[in-house]
Amino acid sequence: MGRSLPVLVLALPVLGACASSPSTRGPAPPPAPKTSPAANAVEEGVALYEQERYAEAEAVLAPLPGPRARAYLAASRVRLRRYAGAETPALEALRASPADPVASAALGEALVAQGKLGEAIRRLTVVIRADPRLPYAYYWRGQAYHRNRQIARMVDDYQAFLRLAPGAPEAPAVRALLAGLS
């Protein structure tokens, strides 16, 4: 029995060496993807926006390029009621990504809030042509038609909005408005 003890003690380091050798561990895991500091900052800004921390989101997103950063910057400014300041980043985002849902909603709300109804109708028509599946493009164009007293067009846009987003927070008010017209 005395002879097997030293063999066992000697075998432990050998087993440890085998367990750590590359051939027994399998392939090495792929390296973690490298993300740029700007990409991380964009996601931080979007997360702040989603947490309704709009002023902080604006501060993070303002210096950042790219359509996602510009869209959420515009949306943050709309939530802060800085409508004029929302237009430029929304348009920048839409130039790069003509059917961006965040940018189109921010642009629509900013223009309607400022009373730029003709511009809202024109720009949102371009967005809807790029992607007719954006409910808030219809909603905000419908708002512009409503304020412009173009009721038939408002009805069409609100119906499209309800078809695309029946569970949206604005849907009950839109349904009530349409029901009141009947």
C-alpha atoms as a PDB file:
ATOM      1  CA  MET A   1       0.000   0.000   0.000  1.00  0.00           C
ATOM      2  CA  GLY A   2       2.945   2.303   0.668  1.00  0.00           C
ATOM      3  CA  ARG A   3       3.953   2.112  -2.993  1.00  0.00           C
ATOM      4  CA  SER A   4       0.553   3.171  -4.342  1.00  0.00           C
ATOM      5  CA  LEU A   5       0.496   6.363  -2.293  1.00  0.00           C
ATOM      6  CA  PRO A   6       3.462   7.987  -4.050  1.00  0.00           C
ATOM      7  CA  VAL A   7       2.053   6.956  -7.423  1.00  0.00           C
ATOM      8  CA  LEU A   8      -1.243   8.605  -6.534  1.00  0.00           C
ATOM      9  CA  VAL A   9       0.491  11.777  -5.403  1.00  0.00           C
ATOM     10  CA  LEU A  10       2.501  11.873  -8.626  1.00  0.00           C
ATOM     11  CA  ALA A  11      -0.602  11.186 -10.719  1.00  0.00           C
ATOM     12  CA  LEU A  12      -2.510  14.221  -9.379  1.00  0.00           C
ATOM     13  CA  PRO A  13      -0.280  16.850 -10.969  1.00  0.00           C
ATOM     14  CA  VAL A  14      -0.348  14.910 -14.240  1.00  0.00           C
ATOM     15  CA  LEU A  15      -4.175  14.817 -14.185  1.00  0.00           C
ATOM     16  CA  GLY A  16      -4.236  18.531 -13.421  1.00  0.00           C
ATOM     17  CA  ALA A  17      -1.961  19.221 -16.367  1.00  0.00           C
ATOM     18  CA  CYS A  18      -4.186  17.160 -18.663  1.00  0.00           C
ATOM     19  CA  ALA A  19      -7.308  18.994 -17.520  1.00  0.00           C
ATOM     20  CA  SER A  20      -5.793  22.328 -18.414  1.00  0.00           C
ATOM     21  CA  SER A  21      -4.299  21.319 -21.730  1.00  0.00           C
ATOM     22  CA  PRO A  22      -5.992  22.902 -24.740  1.00  0.00           C
ATOM     23  CA  SER A  23      -6.687  19.567 -26.393  1.00  0.00           C
ATOM     24  CA  THR A  24      -8.969  18.362 -23.597  1.00  0.00           C
ATOM     25  CA  ARG A  25     -10.867  21.645 -23.040  1.00  0.00           C
ATOM     26  CA  GLY A  26     -12.272  21.849 -26.523  1.00  0.00           C
ATOM     27  CA  PRO A  27     -12.040  24.884 -28.755  1.00  0.00           C
ATOM     28  CA  ALA A  28     -11.302  28.199 -27.189  1.00  0.00           C
ATOM     29  CA  PRO A  29     -14.351  30.443 -26.829  1.00  0.00           C
ATOM     30  CA  PRO A  30     -14.579  33.225 -29.393  1.00  0.00           C
ATOM     31  CA  PRO A  31     -13.284  36.574 -28.225  1.00  0.00           C
ATOM     32  CA  ALA A  32     -15.879  38.956 -26.866  1.00  0.00           C
ATOM     33  CA  PRO A  33     -17.144  41.253 -29.602  1.00  0.00           C
ATOM     34  CA  LYS A  34     -15.554  44.643 -29.486  1.00  0.00           C
ATOM     35  CA  THR A  35     -18.034  47.490 -29.381  1.00  0.00           C
ATOM     36  CA  SER A  36     -17.045  51.030 -29.945  1.00  0.00           C
ATOM     37  CA  PRO A  37     -17.465  53.541 -27.142  1.00  0.00           C
ATOM     38  CA  ALA A  38     -19.971  55.399 -29.359  1.00  0.00           C
ATOM     39  CA  ALA A  39     -22.116  52.263 -29.785  1.00  0.00           C
ATOM     40  CA  ASN A  40     -22.125  51.752 -26.021  1.00  0.00           C
ATOM     41  CA  ALA A  41     -23.066  55.400 -25.511  1.00  0.00           C
ATOM     42  CA  VAL A  42     -25.953  55.107 -27.977  1.00  0.00           C
ATOM     43  CA  GLU A  43     -27.322  52.107 -26.110  1.00  0.00           C
ATOM     44  CA  GLU A  44     -26.869  53.972 -22.815  1.00  0.00           C
ATOM     45  CA  GLY A  45     -28.839  56.911 -24.242  1.00  0.00           C
ATOM     46  CA  VAL A  46     -31.599  54.636 -25.528  1.00  0.00           C
ATOM     47  CA  ALA A  47     -31.799  52.928 -22.133  1.00  0.00           C
ATOM     48  CA  LEU A  48     -32.114  56.313 -20.414  1.00  0.00           C
ATOM     49  CA  TYR A  49     -34.890  57.264 -22.850  1.00  0.00           C
ATOM     50  CA  GLU A  50     -36.718  54.004 -22.144  1.00  0.00           C
ATOM     51  CA  GLN A  51     -36.419  54.724 -18.409  1.00  0.00           C
ATOM     52  CA  GLU A  52     -38.081  58.105 -19.082  1.00  0.00           C
ATOM     53  CA  ARG A  53     -34.894  59.941 -18.093  1.00  0.00           C
ATOM     54  CA  TYR A  54     -35.159  62.225 -21.093  1.00  0.00           C
ATOM     55  CA  ALA A  55     -32.796  65.028 -20.044  1.00  0.00           C
ATOM     56  CA  GLU A  56     -30.044  62.508 -19.295  1.00  0.00           C
ATOM     57  CA  ALA A  57     -30.716  60.712 -22.584  1.00  0.00           C
ATOM     58  CA  GLU A  58     -30.468  64.023 -24.428  1.00  0.00           C
ATOM     59  CA  ALA A  59     -27.115  64.800 -22.789  1.00  0.00           C
ATOM     60  CA  VAL A  60     -25.679  61.395 -23.735  1.00  0.00           C
ATOM     61  CA  LEU A  61     -27.082  61.320 -27.287  1.00  0.00           C
ATOM     62  CA  ALA A  62     -26.523  64.945 -28.384  1.00  0.00           C
ATOM     63  CA  PRO A  63     -22.874  64.562 -29.435  1.00  0.00           C
ATOM     64  CA  LEU A  64     -23.312  61.134 -31.048  1.00  0.00           C
ATOM     65  CA  PRO A  65     -23.625  60.459 -34.777  1.00  0.00           C
ATOM     66  CA  GLY A  66     -25.738  57.803 -36.422  1.00  0.00           C
ATOM     67  CA  PRO A  67     -29.431  57.366 -37.150  1.00  0.00           C
ATOM     68  CA  ARG A  68     -30.315  55.536 -33.923  1.00  0.00           C
ATOM     69  CA  ALA A  69     -28.655  58.208 -31.766  1.00  0.00           C
ATOM     70  CA  ARG A  70     -30.269  61.013 -33.755  1.00  0.00           C
ATOM     71  CA  ALA A  71     -33.735  59.380 -33.622  1.00  0.00           C
ATOM     72  CA  TYR A  72     -33.642  58.921 -29.853  1.00  0.00           C
ATOM     73  CA  LEU A  73     -32.203  62.404 -29.378  1.00  0.00           C
ATOM     74  CA  ALA A  74     -35.206  63.774 -31.283  1.00  0.00           C
ATOM     75  CA  ALA A  75     -37.599  61.635 -29.243  1.00  0.00           C
ATOM     76  CA  SER A  76     -35.975  62.777 -25.986  1.00  0.00           C
ATOM     77  CA  ARG A  77     -36.347  66.409 -26.990  1.00  0.00           C
ATOM     78  CA  VAL A  78     -40.003  65.867 -27.869  1.00  0.00           C
ATOM     79  CA  ARG A  79     -40.622  64.381 -24.423  1.00  0.00           C
ATOM     80  CA  LEU A  80     -38.920  67.457 -22.948  1.00  0.00           C
ATOM     81  CA  ARG A  81     -41.180  69.647 -25.145  1.00  0.00           C
ATOM     82  CA  ARG A  82     -38.175  71.024 -27.015  1.00  0.00           C
ATOM     83  CA  TYR A  83     -39.971  70.605 -30.314  1.00  0.00           C
ATOM     84  CA  ALA A  84     -37.837  72.915 -32.459  1.00  0.00           C
ATOM     85  CA  GLY A  85     -34.705  71.124 -31.258  1.00  0.00           C
ATOM     86  CA  ALA A  86     -36.187  67.765 -32.206  1.00  0.00           C
ATOM     87  CA  GLU A  87     -36.641  68.526 -35.898  1.00  0.00           C
ATOM     88  CA  THR A  88     -33.007  68.466 -37.054  1.00  0.00           C
ATOM     89  CA  PRO A  89     -31.973  65.184 -35.419  1.00  0.00           C
ATOM     90  CA  ALA A  90     -35.222  63.527 -36.558  1.00  0.00           C
ATOM     91  CA  LEU A  91     -34.578  64.631 -40.143  1.00  0.00           C
ATOM     92  CA  GLU A  92     -30.948  63.443 -39.922  1.00  0.00           C
ATOM     93  CA  ALA A  93     -32.135  60.025 -38.752  1.00  0.00           C
ATOM     94  CA  LEU A  94     -34.757  59.846 -41.505  1.00  0.00           C
ATOM     95  CA  ARG A  95     -32.193  60.770 -44.178  1.00  0.00           C
ATOM     96  CA  ALA A  96     -30.130  57.769 -43.130  1.00  0.00           C
ATOM     97  CA  SER A  97     -33.097  55.493 -42.417  1.00  0.00           C
ATOM     98  CA  PRO A  98     -36.242  56.778 -44.168  1.00  0.00           C
ATOM     99  CA  ALA A  99     -38.621  54.486 -42.270  1.00  0.00           C
ATOM    100  CA  ASP A 100     -37.237  54.871 -38.751  1.00  0.00           C
ATOM    101  CA  PRO A 101     -40.271  54.585 -36.446  1.00  0.00           C
ATOM    102  CA  VAL A 102     -38.751  56.583 -33.582  1.00  0.00           C
ATOM    103  CA  ALA A 103     -37.581  59.432 -35.808  1.00  0.00           C
ATOM    104  CA  SER A 104     -40.842  59.595 -37.748  1.00  0.00           C
ATOM    105  CA  ALA A 105     -42.955  59.761 -34.583  1.00  0.00           C
ATOM    106  CA  ALA A 106     -40.665  62.402 -33.058  1.00  0.00           C
ATOM    107  CA  LEU A 107     -40.721  64.487 -36.232  1.00  0.00           C
ATOM    108  CA  GLY A 108     -44.494  64.234 -36.531  1.00  0.00           C
ATOM    109  CA  GLU A 109     -45.106  65.236 -32.936  1.00  0.00           C
ATOM    110  CA  ALA A 110     -42.557  68.083 -33.107  1.00  0.00           C
ATOM    111  CA  LEU A 111     -44.061  69.561 -36.275  1.00  0.00           C
ATOM    112  CA  VAL A 112     -47.675  69.243 -35.144  1.00  0.00           C
ATOM    113  CA  ALA A 113     -46.867  70.740 -31.731  1.00  0.00           C
ATOM    114  CA  GLN A 114     -45.314  73.748 -33.455  1.00  0.00           C
ATOM    115  CA  GLY A 115     -48.300  74.162 -35.752  1.00  0.00           C
ATOM    116  CA  LYS A 116     -46.279  73.275 -38.856  1.00  0.00           C
ATOM    117  CA  LEU A 117     -49.178  71.261 -40.204  1.00  0.00           C
ATOM    118  CA  GLY A 118     -48.400  71.421 -43.929  1.00  0.00           C
ATOM    119  CA  GLU A 119     -44.803  70.401 -43.314  1.00  0.00           C
ATOM    120  CA  ALA A 120     -45.924  67.567 -41.019  1.00  0.00           C
ATOM    121  CA  ILE A 121     -48.319  66.272 -43.684  1.00  0.00           C
ATOM    122  CA  ARG A 122     -45.666  66.510 -46.405  1.00  0.00           C
ATOM    123  CA  ARG A 123     -42.839  64.903 -44.430  1.00  0.00           C
ATOM    124  CA  LEU A 124     -44.988  62.133 -42.946  1.00  0.00           C
ATOM    125  CA  THR A 125     -46.361  61.310 -46.386  1.00  0.00           C
ATOM    126  CA  VAL A 126     -42.752  60.682 -47.468  1.00  0.00           C
ATOM    127  CA  VAL A 127     -42.212  58.467 -44.418  1.00  0.00           C
ATOM    128  CA  ILE A 128     -45.418  56.502 -45.103  1.00  0.00           C
ATOM    129  CA  ARG A 129     -44.347  55.947 -48.718  1.00  0.00           C
ATOM    130  CA  ALA A 130     -41.034  54.572 -47.425  1.00  0.00           C
ATOM    131  CA  ASP A 131     -42.834  52.200 -45.044  1.00  0.00           C
ATOM    132  CA  PRO A 132     -46.644  52.082 -44.833  1.00  0.00           C
ATOM    133  CA  ARG A 133     -46.438  49.973 -41.638  1.00  0.00           C
ATOM    134  CA  LEU A 134     -45.506  52.824 -39.266  1.00  0.00           C
ATOM    135  CA  PRO A 135     -48.552  53.508 -37.085  1.00  0.00           C
ATOM    136  CA  TYR A 136     -47.324  56.752 -35.572  1.00  0.00           C
ATOM    137  CA  ALA A 137     -46.629  58.271 -38.970  1.00  0.00           C
ATOM    138  CA  TYR A 138     -50.370  57.864 -39.626  1.00  0.00           C
ATOM    139  CA  TYR A 139     -51.253  59.057 -36.136  1.00  0.00           C
ATOM    140  CA  TRP A 140     -49.296  62.297 -36.392  1.00  0.00           C
ATOM    141  CA  ARG A 141     -50.331  62.945 -39.980  1.00  0.00           C
ATOM    142  CA  GLY A 142     -53.918  62.349 -38.809  1.00  0.00           C
ATOM    143  CA  GLN A 143     -53.338  64.913 -36.052  1.00  0.00           C
ATOM    144  CA  ALA A 144     -52.106  67.398 -38.662  1.00  0.00           C
ATOM    145  CA  TYR A 145     -55.135  66.723 -40.878  1.00  0.00           C
ATOM    146  CA  HIS A 146     -57.415  67.105 -37.850  1.00  0.00           C
ATOM    147  CA  ARG A 147     -55.967  70.489 -36.909  1.00  0.00           C
ATOM    148  CA  ASN A 148     -56.051  71.481 -40.583  1.00  0.00           C
ATOM    149  CA  ARG A 149     -59.760  70.539 -40.677  1.00  0.00           C
ATOM    150  CA  GLN A 150     -59.252  67.883 -43.356  1.00  0.00           C
ATOM    151  CA  ILE A 151     -61.613  65.430 -41.702  1.00  0.00           C
ATOM    152  CA  ALA A 152     -61.866  62.765 -44.433  1.00  0.00           C
ATOM    153  CA  ARG A 153     -58.068  62.427 -44.570  1.00  0.00           C
ATOM    154  CA  MET A 154     -57.874  62.454 -40.766  1.00  0.00           C
ATOM    155  CA  VAL A 155     -60.363  59.573 -40.641  1.00  0.00           C
ATOM    156  CA  ASP A 156     -58.330  57.559 -43.170  1.00  0.00           C
ATOM    157  CA  ASP A 157     -55.114  58.067 -41.215  1.00  0.00           C
ATOM    158  CA  TYR A 158     -56.674  57.307 -37.849  1.00  0.00           C
ATOM    159  CA  GLN A 159     -58.199  54.114 -39.251  1.00  0.00           C
ATOM    160  CA  ALA A 160     -54.787  53.089 -40.589  1.00  0.00           C
ATOM    161  CA  PHE A 161     -53.281  53.867 -37.162  1.00  0.00           C
ATOM    162  CA  LEU A 162     -55.870  51.662 -35.441  1.00  0.00           C
ATOM    163  CA  ARG A 163     -55.300  48.826 -37.921  1.00  0.00           C
ATOM    164  CA  LEU A 164     -51.543  48.929 -37.264  1.00  0.00           C
ATOM    165  CA  ALA A 165     -51.582  49.619 -33.524  1.00  0.00           C
ATOM    166  CA  PRO A 166     -54.942  48.580 -32.035  1.00  0.00           C
ATOM    167  CA  GLY A 167     -53.470  48.360 -28.534  1.00  0.00           C
ATOM    168  CA  ALA A 168     -51.586  51.659 -28.584  1.00  0.00           C
ATOM    169  CA  PRO A 169     -52.194  54.005 -25.649  1.00  0.00           C
ATOM    170  CA  GLU A 170     -53.769  56.545 -28.030  1.00  0.00           C
ATOM    171  CA  ALA A 171     -56.142  53.995 -29.592  1.00  0.00           C
ATOM    172  CA  PRO A 172     -59.110  54.488 -27.188  1.00  0.00           C
ATOM    173  CA  ALA A 173     -59.108  58.264 -27.755  1.00  0.00           C
ATOM    174  CA  VAL A 174     -58.863  57.785 -31.516  1.00  0.00           C
ATOM    175  CA  ARG A 175     -61.724  55.263 -31.458  1.00  0.00           C
ATOM    176  CA  ALA A 176     -63.849  57.670 -29.421  1.00  0.00           C
ATOM    177  CA  LEU A 177     -63.116  60.527 -31.812  1.00  0.00           C
ATOM    178  CA  LEU A 178     -64.029  58.390 -34.835  1.00  0.00           C
ATOM    179  CA  ALA A 179     -67.182  57.104 -33.108  1.00  0.00           C
ATOM    180  CA  GLY A 180     -68.231  60.694 -32.443  1.00  0.00           C
ATOM    181  CA  LEU A 181     -68.105  61.432 -36.164  1.00  0.00           C
ATOM    182  CA  SER A 182     -70.633  58.737 -37.037  1.00  0.00           C
END
